[in-house]
mmCIF file of all heavy atoms, coordinates in Angstrom:
data_MODEL
# 
_entry.id   MODEL 
# 
loop_
_atom_site.group_PDB 
_atom_site.id 
_atom_site.type_symbol 
_atom_site.label_atom_id 
_atom_site.label_alt_id 
_atom_site.label_comp_id 
_atom_site.label_asym_id 
_atom_site.label_entity_id 
_atom_site.label_seq_id 
_atom_site.pdbx_PDB_ins_code 
_atom_site.Cartn_x 
_atom_site.Cartn_y 
_atom_site.Cartn_z 
_atom_site.occupancy 
_atom_site.B_iso_or_equiv 
_atom_site.pdbx_formal_charge 
_atom_site.auth_seq_id 
_atom_site.auth_comp_id 
_atom_site.auth_asym_id 
_atom_site.auth_atom_id 
_atom_site.pdbx_PDB_model_num 
ATOM 1   N N   . LEU A 1 1  ? 24.771 1.975   343.223 1.00 0.00 ? 1  LEU A N   1 
ATOM 2   C CA  . LEU A 1 1  ? 25.337 0.657   343.463 1.00 0.00 ? 1  LEU A CA  1 
ATOM 3   C C   . LEU A 1 1  ? 25.537 -0.099  342.158 1.00 0.00 ? 1  LEU A C   1 
ATOM 4   O O   . LEU A 1 1  ? 24.677 -0.081  341.281 1.00 0.00 ? 1  LEU A O   1 
ATOM 5   C CB  . LEU A 1 1  ? 24.392 -0.132  344.379 1.00 0.00 ? 1  LEU A CB  1 
ATOM 6   C CG  . LEU A 1 1  ? 24.718 -1.593  344.674 1.00 0.00 ? 1  LEU A CG  1 
ATOM 7   C CD1 . LEU A 1 1  ? 25.999 -1.705  345.478 1.00 0.00 ? 1  LEU A CD1 1 
ATOM 8   C CD2 . LEU A 1 1  ? 23.555 -2.227  345.443 1.00 0.00 ? 1  LEU A CD2 1 
ATOM 9   N N   . ALA A 1 2  ? 26.685 -0.784  342.042 1.00 0.00 ? 2  ALA A N   1 
ATOM 10  C CA  . ALA A 1 2  ? 26.984 -1.552  340.831 1.00 0.00 ? 2  ALA A CA  1 
ATOM 11  C C   . ALA A 1 2  ? 27.583 -2.896  341.207 1.00 0.00 ? 2  ALA A C   1 
ATOM 12  O O   . ALA A 1 2  ? 28.360 -3.012  342.152 1.00 0.00 ? 2  ALA A O   1 
ATOM 13  C CB  . ALA A 1 2  ? 27.930 -0.784  339.924 1.00 0.00 ? 2  ALA A CB  1 
ATOM 14  N N   . LEU A 1 3  ? 27.222 -3.910  340.441 1.00 0.00 ? 3  LEU A N   1 
ATOM 15  C CA  . LEU A 1 3  ? 27.798 -5.249  340.554 1.00 0.00 ? 3  LEU A CA  1 
ATOM 16  C C   . LEU A 1 3  ? 28.630 -5.503  339.309 1.00 0.00 ? 3  LEU A C   1 
ATOM 17  O O   . LEU A 1 3  ? 28.123 -5.415  338.182 1.00 0.00 ? 3  LEU A O   1 
ATOM 18  C CB  . LEU A 1 3  ? 26.686 -6.296  340.683 1.00 0.00 ? 3  LEU A CB  1 
ATOM 19  C CG  . LEU A 1 3  ? 27.110 -7.773  340.619 1.00 0.00 ? 3  LEU A CG  1 
ATOM 20  C CD1 . LEU A 1 3  ? 28.039 -8.131  341.777 1.00 0.00 ? 3  LEU A CD1 1 
ATOM 21  C CD2 . LEU A 1 3  ? 25.888 -8.685  340.621 1.00 0.00 ? 3  LEU A CD2 1 
ATOM 22  N N   . TYR A 1 4  ? 29.902 -5.807  339.496 1.00 0.00 ? 4  TYR A N   1 
ATOM 23  C CA  . TYR A 1 4  ? 30.796 -6.061  338.358 1.00 0.00 ? 4  TYR A CA  1 
ATOM 24  C C   . TYR A 1 4  ? 30.540 -7.444  337.781 1.00 0.00 ? 4  TYR A C   1 
ATOM 25  O O   . TYR A 1 4  ? 30.549 -8.444  338.501 1.00 0.00 ? 4  TYR A O   1 
ATOM 26  C CB  . TYR A 1 4  ? 32.245 -5.936  338.812 1.00 0.00 ? 4  TYR A CB  1 
ATOM 27  C CG  . TYR A 1 4  ? 33.258 -6.338  337.765 1.00 0.00 ? 4  TYR A CG  1 
ATOM 28  C CD1 . TYR A 1 4  ? 33.267 -5.743  336.512 1.00 0.00 ? 4  TYR A CD1 1 
ATOM 29  C CD2 . TYR A 1 4  ? 34.212 -7.321  338.044 1.00 0.00 ? 4  TYR A CD2 1 
ATOM 30  C CE1 . TYR A 1 4  ? 34.206 -6.114  335.556 1.00 0.00 ? 4  TYR A CE1 1 
ATOM 31  C CE2 . TYR A 1 4  ? 35.157 -7.695  337.109 1.00 0.00 ? 4  TYR A CE2 1 
ATOM 32  C CZ  . TYR A 1 4  ? 35.148 -7.098  335.857 1.00 0.00 ? 4  TYR A CZ  1 
ATOM 33  O OH  . TYR A 1 4  ? 36.075 -7.464  334.913 1.00 0.00 ? 4  TYR A OH  1 
ATOM 34  N N   . ASN A 1 5  ? 30.293 -7.498  336.486 1.00 0.00 ? 5  ASN A N   1 
ATOM 35  C CA  . ASN A 1 5  ? 30.088 -8.745  335.761 1.00 0.00 ? 5  ASN A CA  1 
ATOM 36  C C   . ASN A 1 5  ? 31.398 -9.104  335.073 1.00 0.00 ? 5  ASN A C   1 
ATOM 37  O O   . ASN A 1 5  ? 31.719 -8.598  333.998 1.00 0.00 ? 5  ASN A O   1 
ATOM 38  C CB  . ASN A 1 5  ? 28.968 -8.575  334.729 1.00 0.00 ? 5  ASN A CB  1 
ATOM 39  C CG  . ASN A 1 5  ? 28.655 -9.862  333.982 1.00 0.00 ? 5  ASN A CG  1 
ATOM 40  O OD1 . ASN A 1 5  ? 29.426 -10.815 334.004 1.00 0.00 ? 5  ASN A OD1 1 
ATOM 41  N ND2 . ASN A 1 5  ? 27.502 -9.886  333.325 1.00 0.00 ? 5  ASN A ND2 1 
ATOM 42  N N   . ALA A 1 6  ? 32.186 -9.978  335.726 1.00 0.00 ? 6  ALA A N   1 
ATOM 43  C CA  . ALA A 1 6  ? 33.518 -10.299 335.222 1.00 0.00 ? 6  ALA A CA  1 
ATOM 44  C C   . ALA A 1 6  ? 33.474 -11.040 333.886 1.00 0.00 ? 6  ALA A C   1 
ATOM 45  O O   . ALA A 1 6  ? 34.393 -10.907 333.069 1.00 0.00 ? 6  ALA A O   1 
ATOM 46  C CB  . ALA A 1 6  ? 34.269 -11.128 336.256 1.00 0.00 ? 6  ALA A CB  1 
ATOM 47  N N   . ALA A 1 7  ? 32.421 -11.804 333.654 1.00 0.00 ? 7  ALA A N   1 
ATOM 48  C CA  . ALA A 1 7  ? 32.336 -12.577 332.414 1.00 0.00 ? 7  ALA A CA  1 
ATOM 49  C C   . ALA A 1 7  ? 32.251 -11.672 331.191 1.00 0.00 ? 7  ALA A C   1 
ATOM 50  O O   . ALA A 1 7  ? 32.824 -11.972 330.133 1.00 0.00 ? 7  ALA A O   1 
ATOM 51  C CB  . ALA A 1 7  ? 31.124 -13.517 332.464 1.00 0.00 ? 7  ALA A CB  1 
ATOM 52  N N   . ASN A 1 8  ? 31.533 -10.562 331.328 1.00 0.00 ? 8  ASN A N   1 
ATOM 53  C CA  . ASN A 1 8  ? 31.336 -9.657  330.195 1.00 0.00 ? 8  ASN A CA  1 
ATOM 54  C C   . ASN A 1 8  ? 32.050 -8.317  330.355 1.00 0.00 ? 8  ASN A C   1 
ATOM 55  O O   . ASN A 1 8  ? 31.936 -7.447  329.476 1.00 0.00 ? 8  ASN A O   1 
ATOM 56  C CB  . ASN A 1 8  ? 29.840 -9.403  329.989 1.00 0.00 ? 8  ASN A CB  1 
ATOM 57  C CG  . ASN A 1 8  ? 29.080 -10.660 329.658 1.00 0.00 ? 8  ASN A CG  1 
ATOM 58  O OD1 . ASN A 1 8  ? 29.568 -11.521 328.937 1.00 0.00 ? 8  ASN A OD1 1 
ATOM 59  N ND2 . ASN A 1 8  ? 27.876 -10.797 330.207 1.00 0.00 ? 8  ASN A ND2 1 
ATOM 60  N N   . ASP A 1 9  ? 32.766 -8.145  331.454 1.00 0.00 ? 9  ASP A N   1 
ATOM 61  C CA  . ASP A 1 9  ? 33.437 -6.874  331.733 1.00 0.00 ? 9  ASP A CA  1 
ATOM 62  C C   . ASP A 1 9  ? 32.460 -5.700  331.674 1.00 0.00 ? 9  ASP A C   1 
ATOM 63  O O   . ASP A 1 9  ? 32.745 -4.660  331.060 1.00 0.00 ? 9  ASP A O   1 
ATOM 64  C CB  . ASP A 1 9  ? 34.605 -6.640  330.760 1.00 0.00 ? 9  ASP A CB  1 
ATOM 65  C CG  . ASP A 1 9  ? 35.924 -7.178  331.309 1.00 0.00 ? 9  ASP A CG  1 
ATOM 66  O OD1 . ASP A 1 9  ? 35.984 -7.464  332.525 1.00 0.00 ? 9  ASP A OD1 1 
ATOM 67  O OD2 . ASP A 1 9  ? 36.876 -7.310  330.529 1.00 0.00 ? 9  ASP A OD2 1 
ATOM 68  N N   . ASN A 1 10 ? 31.307 -5.889  332.297 1.00 0.00 ? 10 ASN A N   1 
ATOM 69  C CA  . ASN A 1 10 ? 30.365 -4.772  332.402 1.00 0.00 ? 10 ASN A CA  1 
ATOM 70  C C   . ASN A 1 10 ? 29.712 -4.796  333.776 1.00 0.00 ? 10 ASN A C   1 
ATOM 71  O O   . ASN A 1 10 ? 30.172 -5.526  334.672 1.00 0.00 ? 10 ASN A O   1 
ATOM 72  C CB  . ASN A 1 10 ? 29.343 -4.793  331.258 1.00 0.00 ? 10 ASN A CB  1 
ATOM 73  C CG  . ASN A 1 10 ? 28.509 -6.068  331.230 1.00 0.00 ? 10 ASN A CG  1 
ATOM 74  O OD1 . ASN A 1 10 ? 28.432 -6.800  332.223 1.00 0.00 ? 10 ASN A OD1 1 
ATOM 75  N ND2 . ASN A 1 10 ? 27.898 -6.338  330.107 1.00 0.00 ? 10 ASN A ND2 1 
ATOM 76  N N   . PHE A 1 11 ? 28.632 -4.035  333.962 1.00 0.00 ? 11 PHE A N   1 
ATOM 77  C CA  . PHE A 1 11 ? 28.085 -3.828  335.298 1.00 0.00 ? 11 PHE A CA  1 
ATOM 78  C C   . PHE A 1 11 ? 26.570 -3.957  335.303 1.00 0.00 ? 11 PHE A C   1 
ATOM 79  O O   . PHE A 1 11 ? 25.896 -3.600  334.328 1.00 0.00 ? 11 PHE A O   1 
ATOM 80  C CB  . PHE A 1 11 ? 28.487 -2.447  335.826 1.00 0.00 ? 11 PHE A CB  1 
ATOM 81  C CG  . PHE A 1 11 ? 29.966 -2.260  335.924 1.00 0.00 ? 11 PHE A CG  1 
ATOM 82  C CD1 . PHE A 1 11 ? 30.691 -1.826  334.823 1.00 0.00 ? 11 PHE A CD1 1 
ATOM 83  C CD2 . PHE A 1 11 ? 30.637 -2.551  337.098 1.00 0.00 ? 11 PHE A CD2 1 
ATOM 84  C CE1 . PHE A 1 11 ? 32.069 -1.667  334.896 1.00 0.00 ? 11 PHE A CE1 1 
ATOM 85  C CE2 . PHE A 1 11 ? 32.014 -2.403  337.181 1.00 0.00 ? 11 PHE A CE2 1 
ATOM 86  C CZ  . PHE A 1 11 ? 32.728 -1.965  336.079 1.00 0.00 ? 11 PHE A CZ  1 
ATOM 87  N N   . ILE A 1 12 ? 26.071 -4.472  336.406 1.00 0.00 ? 12 ILE A N   1 
ATOM 88  C CA  . ILE A 1 12 ? 24.637 -4.472  336.678 1.00 0.00 ? 12 ILE A CA  1 
ATOM 89  C C   . ILE A 1 12 ? 24.398 -3.387  337.725 1.00 0.00 ? 12 ILE A C   1 
ATOM 90  O O   . ILE A 1 12 ? 25.060 -3.352  338.761 1.00 0.00 ? 12 ILE A O   1 
ATOM 91  C CB  . ILE A 1 12 ? 24.171 -5.839  337.209 1.00 0.00 ? 12 ILE A CB  1 
ATOM 92  C CG1 . ILE A 1 12 ? 24.498 -6.944  336.200 1.00 0.00 ? 12 ILE A CG1 1 
ATOM 93  C CG2 . ILE A 1 12 ? 22.681 -5.825  337.524 1.00 0.00 ? 12 ILE A CG2 1 
ATOM 94  C CD1 . ILE A 1 12 ? 24.326 -8.348  336.753 1.00 0.00 ? 12 ILE A CD1 1 
ATOM 95  N N   . THR A 1 13 ? 23.479 -2.481  337.448 1.00 0.00 ? 13 THR A N   1 
ATOM 96  C CA  . THR A 1 13 ? 23.191 -1.408  338.393 1.00 0.00 ? 13 THR A CA  1 
ATOM 97  C C   . THR A 1 13 ? 21.810 -1.624  339.011 1.00 0.00 ? 13 THR A C   1 
ATOM 98  O O   . THR A 1 13 ? 20.977 -2.351  338.464 1.00 0.00 ? 13 THR A O   1 
ATOM 99  C CB  . THR A 1 13 ? 23.251 -0.033  337.709 1.00 0.00 ? 13 THR A CB  1 
ATOM 100 O OG1 . THR A 1 13 ? 22.320 -0.001  336.630 1.00 0.00 ? 13 THR A OG1 1 
ATOM 101 C CG2 . THR A 1 13 ? 24.647 0.234   337.164 1.00 0.00 ? 13 THR A CG2 1 
ATOM 102 N N   . PHE A 1 14 ? 21.579 -0.972  340.144 1.00 0.00 ? 14 PHE A N   1 
ATOM 103 C CA  . PHE A 1 14 ? 20.360 -1.187  340.906 1.00 0.00 ? 14 PHE A CA  1 
ATOM 104 C C   . PHE A 1 14 ? 19.715 0.148   341.243 1.00 0.00 ? 14 PHE A C   1 
ATOM 105 O O   . PHE A 1 14 ? 20.374 1.090   341.679 1.00 0.00 ? 14 PHE A O   1 
ATOM 106 C CB  . PHE A 1 14 ? 20.667 -1.962  342.198 1.00 0.00 ? 14 PHE A CB  1 
ATOM 107 C CG  . PHE A 1 14 ? 21.253 -3.318  341.940 1.00 0.00 ? 14 PHE A CG  1 
ATOM 108 C CD1 . PHE A 1 14 ? 22.617 -3.469  341.737 1.00 0.00 ? 14 PHE A CD1 1 
ATOM 109 C CD2 . PHE A 1 14 ? 20.441 -4.441  341.864 1.00 0.00 ? 14 PHE A CD2 1 
ATOM 110 C CE1 . PHE A 1 14 ? 23.174 -4.714  341.491 1.00 0.00 ? 14 PHE A CE1 1 
ATOM 111 C CE2 . PHE A 1 14 ? 20.982 -5.688  341.606 1.00 0.00 ? 14 PHE A CE2 1 
ATOM 112 C CZ  . PHE A 1 14 ? 22.345 -5.833  341.422 1.00 0.00 ? 14 PHE A CZ  1 
ATOM 113 N N   . ARG A 1 15 ? 18.375 0.200   341.025 1.00 0.00 ? 15 ARG A N   1 
ATOM 114 C CA  . ARG A 1 15 ? 17.608 1.397   341.322 1.00 0.00 ? 15 ARG A CA  1 
ATOM 115 C C   . ARG A 1 15 ? 16.649 1.139   342.477 1.00 0.00 ? 15 ARG A C   1 
ATOM 116 O O   . ARG A 1 15 ? 16.155 0.030   342.654 1.00 0.00 ? 15 ARG A O   1 
ATOM 117 C CB  . ARG A 1 15 ? 16.790 1.842   340.105 1.00 0.00 ? 15 ARG A CB  1 
ATOM 118 C CG  . ARG A 1 15 ? 17.595 2.460   338.989 1.00 0.00 ? 15 ARG A CG  1 
ATOM 119 C CD  . ARG A 1 15 ? 16.667 2.929   337.881 1.00 0.00 ? 15 ARG A CD  1 
ATOM 120 N NE  . ARG A 1 15 ? 17.383 3.499   336.766 1.00 0.00 ? 15 ARG A NE  1 
ATOM 121 C CZ  . ARG A 1 15 ? 17.716 4.777   336.664 1.00 0.00 ? 15 ARG A CZ  1 
ATOM 122 N NH1 . ARG A 1 15 ? 17.390 5.605   337.634 1.00 0.00 ? 15 ARG A NH1 1 
ATOM 123 N NH2 . ARG A 1 15 ? 18.376 5.232   335.626 1.00 0.00 ? 15 ARG A NH2 1 
ATOM 124 N N   . ASN A 1 16 ? 16.387 2.179   343.220 1.00 0.00 ? 16 ASN A N   1 
ATOM 125 C CA  . ASN A 1 16 ? 15.322 2.165   344.207 1.00 0.00 ? 16 ASN A CA  1 
ATOM 126 C C   . ASN A 1 16 ? 14.073 2.673   343.498 1.00 0.00 ? 16 ASN A C   1 
ATOM 127 O O   . ASN A 1 16 ? 13.934 3.868   343.251 1.00 0.00 ? 16 ASN A O   1 
ATOM 128 C CB  . ASN A 1 16 ? 15.700 3.063   345.393 1.00 0.00 ? 16 ASN A CB  1 
ATOM 129 C CG  . ASN A 1 16 ? 14.659 3.048   346.490 1.00 0.00 ? 16 ASN A CG  1 
ATOM 130 O OD1 . ASN A 1 16 ? 13.475 2.847   346.234 1.00 0.00 ? 16 ASN A OD1 1 
ATOM 131 N ND2 . ASN A 1 16 ? 15.107 3.278   347.711 1.00 0.00 ? 16 ASN A ND2 1 
ATOM 132 N N   . ASN A 1 17 ? 13.180 1.769   343.136 1.00 0.00 ? 17 ASN A N   1 
ATOM 133 C CA  . ASN A 1 17 ? 12.024 2.162   342.326 1.00 0.00 ? 17 ASN A CA  1 
ATOM 134 C C   . ASN A 1 17 ? 11.118 3.165   343.027 1.00 0.00 ? 17 ASN A C   1 
ATOM 135 O O   . ASN A 1 17 ? 10.504 4.015   342.396 1.00 0.00 ? 17 ASN A O   1 
ATOM 136 C CB  . ASN A 1 17 ? 11.214 0.921   341.941 1.00 0.00 ? 17 ASN A CB  1 
ATOM 137 C CG  . ASN A 1 17 ? 11.987 0.018   340.990 1.00 0.00 ? 17 ASN A CG  1 
ATOM 138 O OD1 . ASN A 1 17 ? 12.752 0.499   340.176 1.00 0.00 ? 17 ASN A OD1 1 
ATOM 139 N ND2 . ASN A 1 17 ? 11.793 -1.283  341.118 1.00 0.00 ? 17 ASN A ND2 1 
ATOM 140 N N   . LYS A 1 18 ? 11.060 3.066   344.354 1.00 0.00 ? 18 LYS A N   1 
ATOM 141 C CA  . LYS A 1 18 ? 10.171 3.954   345.088 1.00 0.00 ? 18 LYS A CA  1 
ATOM 142 C C   . LYS A 1 18 ? 10.566 5.413   344.925 1.00 0.00 ? 18 LYS A C   1 
ATOM 143 O O   . LYS A 1 18 ? 9.735  6.294   344.719 1.00 0.00 ? 18 LYS A O   1 
ATOM 144 C CB  . LYS A 1 18 ? 10.160 3.578   346.574 1.00 0.00 ? 18 LYS A CB  1 
ATOM 145 C CG  . LYS A 1 18 ? 9.231  4.438   347.420 1.00 0.00 ? 18 LYS A CG  1 
ATOM 146 C CD  . LYS A 1 18 ? 9.240  3.984   348.870 1.00 0.00 ? 18 LYS A CD  1 
ATOM 147 C CE  . LYS A 1 18 ? 8.326  4.856   349.719 1.00 0.00 ? 18 LYS A CE  1 
ATOM 148 N NZ  . LYS A 1 18 ? 8.331  4.424   351.140 1.00 0.00 ? 18 LYS A NZ  1 
ATOM 149 N N   . ASN A 1 19 ? 11.885 5.665   345.006 1.00 0.00 ? 19 ASN A N   1 
ATOM 150 C CA  . ASN A 1 19 ? 12.360 7.036   344.923 1.00 0.00 ? 19 ASN A CA  1 
ATOM 151 C C   . ASN A 1 19 ? 13.024 7.338   343.587 1.00 0.00 ? 19 ASN A C   1 
ATOM 152 O O   . ASN A 1 19 ? 13.474 8.445   343.344 1.00 0.00 ? 19 ASN A O   1 
ATOM 153 C CB  . ASN A 1 19 ? 13.358 7.320   346.050 1.00 0.00 ? 19 ASN A CB  1 
ATOM 154 C CG  . ASN A 1 19 ? 12.722 7.214   347.416 1.00 0.00 ? 19 ASN A CG  1 
ATOM 155 O OD1 . ASN A 1 19 ? 11.628 7.705   347.635 1.00 0.00 ? 19 ASN A OD1 1 
ATOM 156 N ND2 . ASN A 1 19 ? 13.407 6.554   348.338 1.00 0.00 ? 19 ASN A ND2 1 
ATOM 157 N N   . ASP A 1 20 ? 13.110 6.308   342.732 1.00 0.00 ? 20 ASP A N   1 
ATOM 158 C CA  . ASP A 1 20 ? 13.754 6.449   341.430 1.00 0.00 ? 20 ASP A CA  1 
ATOM 159 C C   . ASP A 1 20 ? 15.176 6.979   341.568 1.00 0.00 ? 20 ASP A C   1 
ATOM 160 O O   . ASP A 1 20 ? 15.646 7.797   340.805 1.00 0.00 ? 20 ASP A O   1 
ATOM 161 C CB  . ASP A 1 20 ? 12.956 7.369   340.511 1.00 0.00 ? 20 ASP A CB  1 
ATOM 162 C CG  . ASP A 1 20 ? 13.378 7.200   339.040 1.00 0.00 ? 20 ASP A CG  1 
ATOM 163 O OD1 . ASP A 1 20 ? 13.806 6.097   338.673 1.00 0.00 ? 20 ASP A OD1 1 
ATOM 164 O OD2 . ASP A 1 20 ? 13.301 8.169   338.294 1.00 0.00 ? 20 ASP A OD2 1 
ATOM 165 N N   . LYS A 1 21 ? 15.880 6.468   342.597 1.00 0.00 ? 21 LYS A N   1 
ATOM 166 C CA  . LYS A 1 21 ? 17.254 6.826   342.798 1.00 0.00 ? 21 LYS A CA  1 
ATOM 167 C C   . LYS A 1 21 ? 18.074 5.545   342.910 1.00 0.00 ? 21 LYS A C   1 
ATOM 168 O O   . LYS A 1 21 ? 17.570 4.500   343.276 1.00 0.00 ? 21 LYS A O   1 
ATOM 169 C CB  . LYS A 1 21 ? 17.432 7.666   344.067 1.00 0.00 ? 21 LYS A CB  1 
ATOM 170 C CG  . LYS A 1 21 ? 16.786 9.029   344.005 1.00 0.00 ? 21 LYS A CG  1 
ATOM 171 C CD  . LYS A 1 21 ? 17.020 9.767   345.313 1.00 0.00 ? 21 LYS A CD  1 
ATOM 172 C CE  . LYS A 1 21 ? 16.380 11.148  345.279 1.00 0.00 ? 21 LYS A CE  1 
ATOM 173 N NZ  . LYS A 1 21 ? 16.576 11.871  346.559 1.00 0.00 ? 21 LYS A NZ  1 
ATOM 174 N N   . TYR A 1 22 ? 19.344 5.666   342.589 1.00 0.00 ? 22 TYR A N   1 
ATOM 175 C CA  . TYR A 1 22 ? 20.220 4.511   342.724 1.00 0.00 ? 22 TYR A CA  1 
ATOM 176 C C   . TYR A 1 22 ? 20.439 4.166   344.193 1.00 0.00 ? 22 TYR A C   1 
ATOM 177 O O   . TYR A 1 22 ? 20.545 5.059   345.032 1.00 0.00 ? 22 TYR A O   1 
ATOM 178 C CB  . TYR A 1 22 ? 21.581 4.781   342.064 1.00 0.00 ? 22 TYR A CB  1 
ATOM 179 C CG  . TYR A 1 22 ? 21.567 4.721   340.565 1.00 0.00 ? 22 TYR A CG  1 
ATOM 180 C CD1 . TYR A 1 22 ? 21.601 5.887   339.807 1.00 0.00 ? 22 TYR A CD1 1 
ATOM 181 C CD2 . TYR A 1 22 ? 21.507 3.499   339.903 1.00 0.00 ? 22 TYR A CD2 1 
ATOM 182 C CE1 . TYR A 1 22 ? 21.585 5.839   338.424 1.00 0.00 ? 22 TYR A CE1 1 
ATOM 183 C CE2 . TYR A 1 22 ? 21.485 3.444   338.524 1.00 0.00 ? 22 TYR A CE2 1 
ATOM 184 C CZ  . TYR A 1 22 ? 21.528 4.608   337.784 1.00 0.00 ? 22 TYR A CZ  1 
ATOM 185 O OH  . TYR A 1 22 ? 21.514 4.561   336.429 1.00 0.00 ? 22 TYR A OH  1 
ATOM 186 N N   . ALA A 1 23 ? 20.512 2.877   344.461 1.00 0.00 ? 23 ALA A N   1 
ATOM 187 C CA  . ALA A 1 23 ? 20.952 2.455   345.785 1.00 0.00 ? 23 ALA A CA  1 
ATOM 188 C C   . ALA A 1 23 ? 22.452 2.675   345.869 1.00 0.00 ? 23 ALA A C   1 
ATOM 189 O O   . ALA A 1 23 ? 23.129 2.801   344.879 1.00 0.00 ? 23 ALA A O   1 
ATOM 190 C CB  . ALA A 1 23 ? 20.617 0.970   345.982 1.00 0.00 ? 23 ALA A CB  1 
ATOM 191 N N   . THR A 1 24 ? 22.964 2.714   347.080 1.00 0.00 ? 24 THR A N   1 
ATOM 192 C CA  . THR A 1 24 ? 24.404 2.941   347.227 1.00 0.00 ? 24 THR A CA  1 
ATOM 193 C C   . THR A 1 24 ? 24.930 2.215   348.438 1.00 0.00 ? 24 THR A C   1 
ATOM 194 O O   . THR A 1 24 ? 24.224 1.987   349.405 1.00 0.00 ? 24 THR A O   1 
ATOM 195 C CB  . THR A 1 24 ? 24.741 4.439   347.318 1.00 0.00 ? 24 THR A CB  1 
ATOM 196 O OG1 . THR A 1 24 ? 26.155 4.598   347.282 1.00 0.00 ? 24 THR A OG1 1 
ATOM 197 C CG2 . THR A 1 24 ? 24.190 5.052   348.593 1.00 0.00 ? 24 THR A CG2 1 
ATOM 198 N N   . LEU A 1 25 ? 26.198 1.817   348.367 1.00 0.00 ? 25 LEU A N   1 
ATOM 199 C CA  . LEU A 1 25 ? 26.840 1.170   349.488 1.00 0.00 ? 25 LEU A CA  1 
ATOM 200 C C   . LEU A 1 25 ? 27.380 2.167   350.494 1.00 0.00 ? 25 LEU A C   1 
ATOM 201 O O   . LEU A 1 25 ? 27.361 1.947   351.690 1.00 0.00 ? 25 LEU A O   1 
ATOM 202 C CB  . LEU A 1 25 ? 28.023 0.334   348.973 1.00 0.00 ? 25 LEU A CB  1 
ATOM 203 C CG  . LEU A 1 25 ? 27.710 -1.022  348.361 1.00 0.00 ? 25 LEU A CG  1 
ATOM 204 C CD1 . LEU A 1 25 ? 28.958 -1.597  347.718 1.00 0.00 ? 25 LEU A CD1 1 
ATOM 205 C CD2 . LEU A 1 25 ? 27.186 -1.974  349.409 1.00 0.00 ? 25 LEU A CD2 1 
ATOM 206 N N   . CYS A 1 26 ? 27.887 3.268   350.006 1.00 0.00 ? 26 CYS A N   1 
ATOM 207 C CA  . CYS A 1 26 ? 28.503 4.237   350.893 1.00 0.00 ? 26 CYS A CA  1 
ATOM 208 C C   . CYS A 1 26 ? 28.599 5.556   350.164 1.00 0.00 ? 26 CYS A C   1 
ATOM 209 O O   . CYS A 1 26 ? 28.380 5.628   348.975 1.00 0.00 ? 26 CYS A O   1 
ATOM 210 C CB  . CYS A 1 26 ? 29.894 3.787   351.334 1.00 0.00 ? 26 CYS A CB  1 
ATOM 211 S SG  . CYS A 1 26 ? 31.042 3.576   349.957 1.00 0.00 ? 26 CYS A SG  1 
ATOM 212 N N   . SER A 1 27 ? 28.928 6.585   350.898 1.00 0.00 ? 27 SER A N   1 
ATOM 213 C CA  . SER A 1 27 ? 29.116 7.893   350.272 1.00 0.00 ? 27 SER A CA  1 
ATOM 214 C C   . SER A 1 27 ? 30.157 8.666   351.026 1.00 0.00 ? 27 SER A C   1 
ATOM 215 O O   . SER A 1 27 ? 30.513 8.333   352.145 1.00 0.00 ? 27 SER A O   1 
ATOM 216 C CB  . SER A 1 27 ? 27.795 8.674   350.245 1.00 0.00 ? 27 SER A CB  1 
ATOM 217 O OG  . SER A 1 27 ? 27.339 8.896   351.557 1.00 0.00 ? 27 SER A OG  1 
ATOM 218 N N   . ARG A 1 28 ? 30.692 9.675   350.401 1.00 0.00 ? 28 ARG A N   1 
ATOM 219 C CA  . ARG A 1 28 ? 31.701 10.527  351.028 1.00 0.00 ? 28 ARG A CA  1 
ATOM 220 C C   . ARG A 1 28 ? 31.321 11.965  350.821 1.00 0.00 ? 28 ARG A C   1 
ATOM 221 O O   . ARG A 1 28 ? 30.712 12.317  349.845 1.00 0.00 ? 28 ARG A O   1 
ATOM 222 C CB  . ARG A 1 28 ? 33.096 10.259  350.439 1.00 0.00 ? 28 ARG A CB  1 
ATOM 223 C CG  . ARG A 1 28 ? 33.642 8.868   350.786 1.00 0.00 ? 28 ARG A CG  1 
ATOM 224 C CD  . ARG A 1 28 ? 35.020 8.690   350.188 1.00 0.00 ? 28 ARG A CD  1 
ATOM 225 N NE  . ARG A 1 28 ? 35.478 7.344   350.389 1.00 0.00 ? 28 ARG A NE  1 
ATOM 226 C CZ  . ARG A 1 28 ? 36.319 6.967   351.324 1.00 0.00 ? 28 ARG A CZ  1 
ATOM 227 N NH1 . ARG A 1 28 ? 36.770 7.832   352.187 1.00 0.00 ? 28 ARG A NH1 1 
ATOM 228 N NH2 . ARG A 1 28 ? 36.719 5.716   351.434 1.00 0.00 ? 28 ARG A NH2 1 
# 
């Protein structure tokens, strides 16, 4: 999962600390 930071043209990402995996909105 990523949040777009329009002010700096970069991204904030999010981890699931319990499993040390990235969270995600969807998958294919």
